Protein backbone atom coordinates (compact mmCIF):
# COMPACT_ATOMS: atom_id res chain seq x y z
CA MET A 1 60.75 10.20 3.95
CA LEU A 2 58.46 10.01 6.98
CA THR A 3 57.02 13.39 6.06
CA THR A 4 56.22 12.15 2.56
CA LEU A 5 54.68 8.97 3.96
CA ARG A 6 52.49 10.92 6.38
CA ARG A 7 51.41 13.29 3.61
CA GLN A 8 50.52 10.42 1.26
CA THR A 9 48.69 8.61 4.05
CA ALA A 10 46.67 11.75 4.88
CA VAL A 11 45.78 12.24 1.20
CA GLY A 12 44.72 8.59 0.91
CA LEU A 13 42.54 8.84 4.00
CA ARG A 14 40.89 12.03 2.75
CA VAL A 15 40.18 10.40 -0.62
CA LEU A 16 38.79 7.33 1.15
CA ILE A 17 36.49 9.45 3.33
CA VAL A 18 35.29 11.60 0.41
CA MET A 19 34.61 8.61 -1.84
CA THR A 20 32.89 6.75 1.00
CA VAL A 21 30.56 9.71 1.57
CA LEU A 22 29.92 10.21 -2.17
CA CYS A 23 29.52 6.57 -3.20
CA GLY A 24 28.18 5.15 0.05
CA ILE A 25 25.80 7.91 1.14
CA VAL A 26 25.20 10.68 -1.40
CA TYR A 27 24.83 8.50 -4.50
CA PRO A 28 22.47 5.91 -2.90
CA LEU A 29 20.34 8.71 -1.45
CA ALA A 30 20.20 10.44 -4.84
CA ILE A 31 19.11 7.23 -6.57
CA TRP A 32 16.52 6.60 -3.86
CA GLY A 33 15.22 10.14 -4.31
CA VAL A 34 14.87 9.68 -8.07
CA SER A 35 12.98 6.43 -7.47
CA ARG A 36 10.42 8.37 -5.40
CA ILE A 37 9.46 10.59 -8.35
CA PRO A 38 5.78 10.02 -9.24
CA GLY A 39 5.59 7.58 -12.13
CA LEU A 40 8.85 5.86 -11.21
CA SER A 41 8.18 4.64 -7.67
CA ALA A 42 6.03 1.67 -8.71
CA HIS A 43 8.71 0.41 -11.08
CA ALA A 44 11.41 0.93 -8.46
CA GLU A 45 9.47 -1.27 -6.05
CA GLY A 46 9.22 -4.14 -8.54
CA SER A 47 5.90 -3.15 -10.13
CA ALA A 48 4.11 -4.79 -7.20
CA LEU A 49 0.52 -5.78 -7.90
CA THR A 50 -1.88 -5.37 -4.97
CA ALA A 51 -5.34 -6.80 -4.54
CA PRO A 52 -8.02 -4.16 -5.26
CA GLY A 53 -8.97 -2.23 -2.14
CA THR A 54 -6.11 -3.66 -0.08
CA SER A 55 -2.37 -3.28 0.39
CA GLN A 56 -1.76 -7.02 0.01
CA VAL A 57 0.83 -7.73 -2.68
CA VAL A 58 -0.34 -10.58 -4.91
CA GLY A 59 2.37 -10.50 -7.56
CA SER A 60 4.09 -8.28 -10.11
CA SER A 61 2.29 -6.54 -12.93
CA LEU A 62 5.19 -7.50 -15.23
CA ILE A 63 5.05 -11.25 -14.60
CA GLY A 64 2.21 -13.53 -15.57
CA VAL A 65 2.40 -16.94 -13.88
CA ASP A 66 -0.47 -19.13 -14.97
CA PRO A 67 -2.78 -19.75 -11.98
CA VAL A 68 -3.48 -23.29 -10.82
CA ALA A 69 -7.05 -24.02 -9.76
CA ALA A 70 -7.54 -26.02 -6.57
CA ASN A 71 -10.19 -27.97 -8.45
CA PRO A 72 -9.47 -28.15 -12.19
CA ALA A 73 -13.12 -29.07 -12.80
CA ALA A 74 -14.17 -25.73 -11.28
CA ASP A 75 -11.48 -23.37 -12.51
CA PRO A 76 -12.30 -19.73 -11.61
CA TRP A 77 -9.28 -18.04 -13.19
CA PHE A 78 -8.32 -16.47 -16.47
CA HIS A 79 -5.21 -18.09 -17.88
CA THR A 80 -2.10 -16.65 -19.48
CA ARG A 81 -0.33 -17.96 -22.54
CA PRO A 82 1.38 -21.34 -22.10
CA ALA A 83 5.08 -21.62 -21.30
CA ALA A 84 7.79 -23.58 -23.07
CA THR A 85 9.24 -24.53 -19.67
CA THR A 86 6.80 -25.85 -17.09
CA ARG A 87 7.04 -26.92 -13.46
CA GLU A 88 5.87 -30.45 -14.19
CA LYS A 89 7.54 -32.62 -16.81
CA GLY A 90 5.20 -33.31 -19.68
CA ALA A 91 2.82 -30.44 -18.88
CA VAL A 92 2.11 -28.31 -21.92
CA LEU A 93 -0.12 -25.54 -20.56
CA GLY A 94 1.76 -24.46 -17.44
CA PRO A 95 2.37 -23.02 -15.03
CA ALA A 96 5.80 -21.81 -16.07
CA ASP A 97 8.96 -22.86 -14.32
CA THR A 98 10.10 -19.38 -13.29
CA SER A 99 13.65 -20.55 -12.58
CA THR A 100 14.21 -21.46 -16.24
CA SER A 101 11.83 -19.21 -18.12
CA GLY A 102 12.47 -18.88 -21.83
CA GLY A 103 11.42 -19.98 -25.27
CA SER A 104 11.80 -23.45 -26.75
CA ASN A 105 13.77 -22.24 -29.81
CA LYS A 106 11.86 -24.79 -31.89
CA GLY A 107 11.01 -23.96 -35.48
CA GLY A 108 7.55 -23.93 -36.98
CA PHE A 109 8.05 -27.34 -38.59
CA ASP A 110 9.34 -29.09 -35.46
CA SER A 111 7.22 -32.18 -34.84
CA GLY A 112 7.46 -31.82 -31.08
CA LEU A 113 6.26 -28.22 -31.21
CA LEU A 114 3.37 -29.08 -33.53
CA ALA A 115 2.33 -31.91 -31.22
CA ALA A 116 2.46 -29.61 -28.18
CA VAL A 117 0.35 -26.98 -29.95
CA GLN A 118 -2.25 -29.58 -30.89
CA GLN A 119 -2.32 -30.96 -27.33
CA ARG A 120 -2.73 -27.45 -25.93
CA ARG A 121 -5.57 -26.77 -28.36
CA GLU A 122 -7.42 -29.87 -27.24
CA LEU A 123 -6.89 -29.13 -23.53
CA VAL A 124 -8.04 -25.52 -23.82
CA ALA A 125 -11.05 -26.52 -25.91
CA ALA A 126 -12.04 -29.12 -23.30
CA ARG A 127 -11.54 -26.65 -20.43
CA GLU A 128 -13.67 -23.98 -22.08
CA GLY A 129 -16.23 -26.34 -23.62
CA VAL A 130 -15.76 -25.11 -27.19
CA PRO A 131 -14.67 -26.68 -30.49
CA ALA A 132 -10.92 -26.85 -31.04
CA ALA A 133 -11.28 -24.51 -34.01
CA ALA A 134 -12.50 -21.76 -31.66
CA VAL A 135 -9.25 -21.67 -29.66
CA PRO A 136 -7.17 -18.58 -30.61
CA PRO A 137 -3.45 -18.82 -31.45
CA ASP A 138 -2.16 -17.15 -28.27
CA ALA A 139 -3.84 -19.86 -26.18
CA VAL A 140 -1.63 -22.54 -27.71
CA THR A 141 1.66 -20.80 -28.54
CA ALA A 142 4.21 -20.04 -25.82
CA SER A 143 5.72 -16.59 -25.48
CA ALA A 144 9.45 -15.94 -25.58
CA SER A 145 9.68 -15.76 -21.78
CA GLY A 146 6.70 -17.88 -20.82
CA LEU A 147 5.84 -15.21 -18.26
CA ASP A 148 3.92 -12.66 -20.34
CA PRO A 149 1.09 -11.11 -18.29
CA ASP A 150 -1.07 -10.29 -21.33
CA ILE A 151 -3.36 -12.25 -23.62
CA GLY A 152 -5.46 -11.18 -26.57
CA PRO A 153 -9.11 -10.11 -26.20
CA ASP A 154 -10.27 -13.22 -28.10
CA TYR A 155 -8.63 -15.56 -25.57
CA ALA A 156 -10.11 -13.54 -22.68
CA ALA A 157 -13.56 -13.68 -24.29
CA LEU A 158 -13.24 -17.45 -24.68
CA GLN A 159 -12.67 -17.80 -20.92
CA THR A 160 -15.38 -15.38 -19.78
CA ALA A 161 -18.25 -17.88 -19.74
CA ARG A 162 -16.33 -20.41 -17.64
CA VAL A 163 -15.14 -17.81 -15.13
CA ALA A 164 -18.67 -16.44 -14.76
CA ARG A 165 -20.13 -19.92 -14.29
CA VAL A 166 -17.57 -21.04 -11.69
CA THR A 167 -17.40 -17.79 -9.71
CA GLY A 168 -21.14 -17.12 -9.78
CA LEU A 169 -20.54 -13.63 -11.13
CA ALA A 170 -22.84 -12.35 -13.85
CA PRO A 171 -21.37 -12.80 -17.35
CA ALA A 172 -21.90 -9.09 -17.94
CA GLU A 173 -19.87 -8.23 -14.84
CA VAL A 174 -17.02 -10.53 -15.87
CA ALA A 175 -17.08 -9.02 -19.35
CA ARG A 176 -16.94 -5.54 -17.78
CA LEU A 177 -13.91 -6.53 -15.71
CA VAL A 178 -12.23 -7.86 -18.84
CA ALA A 179 -12.92 -4.56 -20.60
CA ASP A 180 -11.56 -2.61 -17.62
CA HIS A 181 -8.26 -4.48 -17.88
CA THR A 182 -7.93 -4.30 -21.66
CA SER A 183 -5.41 -1.92 -23.20
CA GLY A 184 -5.40 -0.74 -26.79
CA ARG A 185 -2.49 -0.52 -29.16
CA THR A 186 0.50 1.44 -27.85
CA LEU A 187 0.35 4.99 -29.24
CA GLY A 188 -2.69 3.86 -31.17
CA PHE A 189 -0.84 1.82 -33.77
CA LEU A 190 1.88 -0.34 -32.16
CA GLY A 191 1.16 -3.95 -31.21
CA GLU A 192 -2.28 -5.39 -30.57
CA PRO A 193 -4.99 -4.88 -27.91
CA ARG A 194 -4.21 -6.89 -24.81
CA VAL A 195 -5.79 -8.03 -21.54
CA HIS A 196 -3.67 -7.96 -18.37
CA VAL A 197 -4.33 -11.35 -16.72
CA PRO A 198 -2.78 -10.85 -13.22
CA GLU A 199 -4.72 -7.61 -12.68
CA LEU A 200 -7.89 -9.18 -14.07
CA ASN A 201 -7.64 -12.20 -11.77
CA ALA A 202 -7.05 -9.90 -8.79
CA ALA A 203 -10.22 -8.00 -9.74
CA ILE A 204 -12.15 -11.28 -10.10
CA ALA A 205 -11.02 -12.37 -6.64
CA ALA A 206 -12.08 -9.00 -5.17
CA ALA A 207 -15.49 -9.19 -6.85
CA ARG A 208 -16.10 -12.62 -5.31
CA ARG A 209 -15.62 -11.38 -1.74
């Protein structure tokens, strides 16, 4: 009986050692090695977004949190789509409450949603100094997550004049930066053209230095 017990104990220890090496050392190293493959490393590190010309991480390229200007009367940033959940109660434009990001699940005929859309339209129109009718749909409708990093070219174009005026950059330079951070349809036919707001704002900040 003792012989059997010793044999079973030895087998159990060998299995423990082998599985510890495989699952605790070999497998993690293999996964780490795969994550270093060119094209995958950025995603493995959280798609970190760095300021142009520096190694300073300023966010994630997958998450668009609406920037808050120190002085709302002199707002130098491009803005993302609004969020259904915001940090401040009653705010309709943002920034998003990242701890509870998500859609409102309200239908198109919900009175509260229609009122929020109208309020957003008026606020954006006042911020950009344009008629309410000039405000594009993605400026007033929240995304499913509230954290989308992209907006449409029309919304970016609407904000260009304000950003140029506040930052002191030439309108042509701001328009060029917008174009540099605009992507076309995926595979040429899927989705719509889009402007990546976090990357664009990082480029604006770098151009102001």
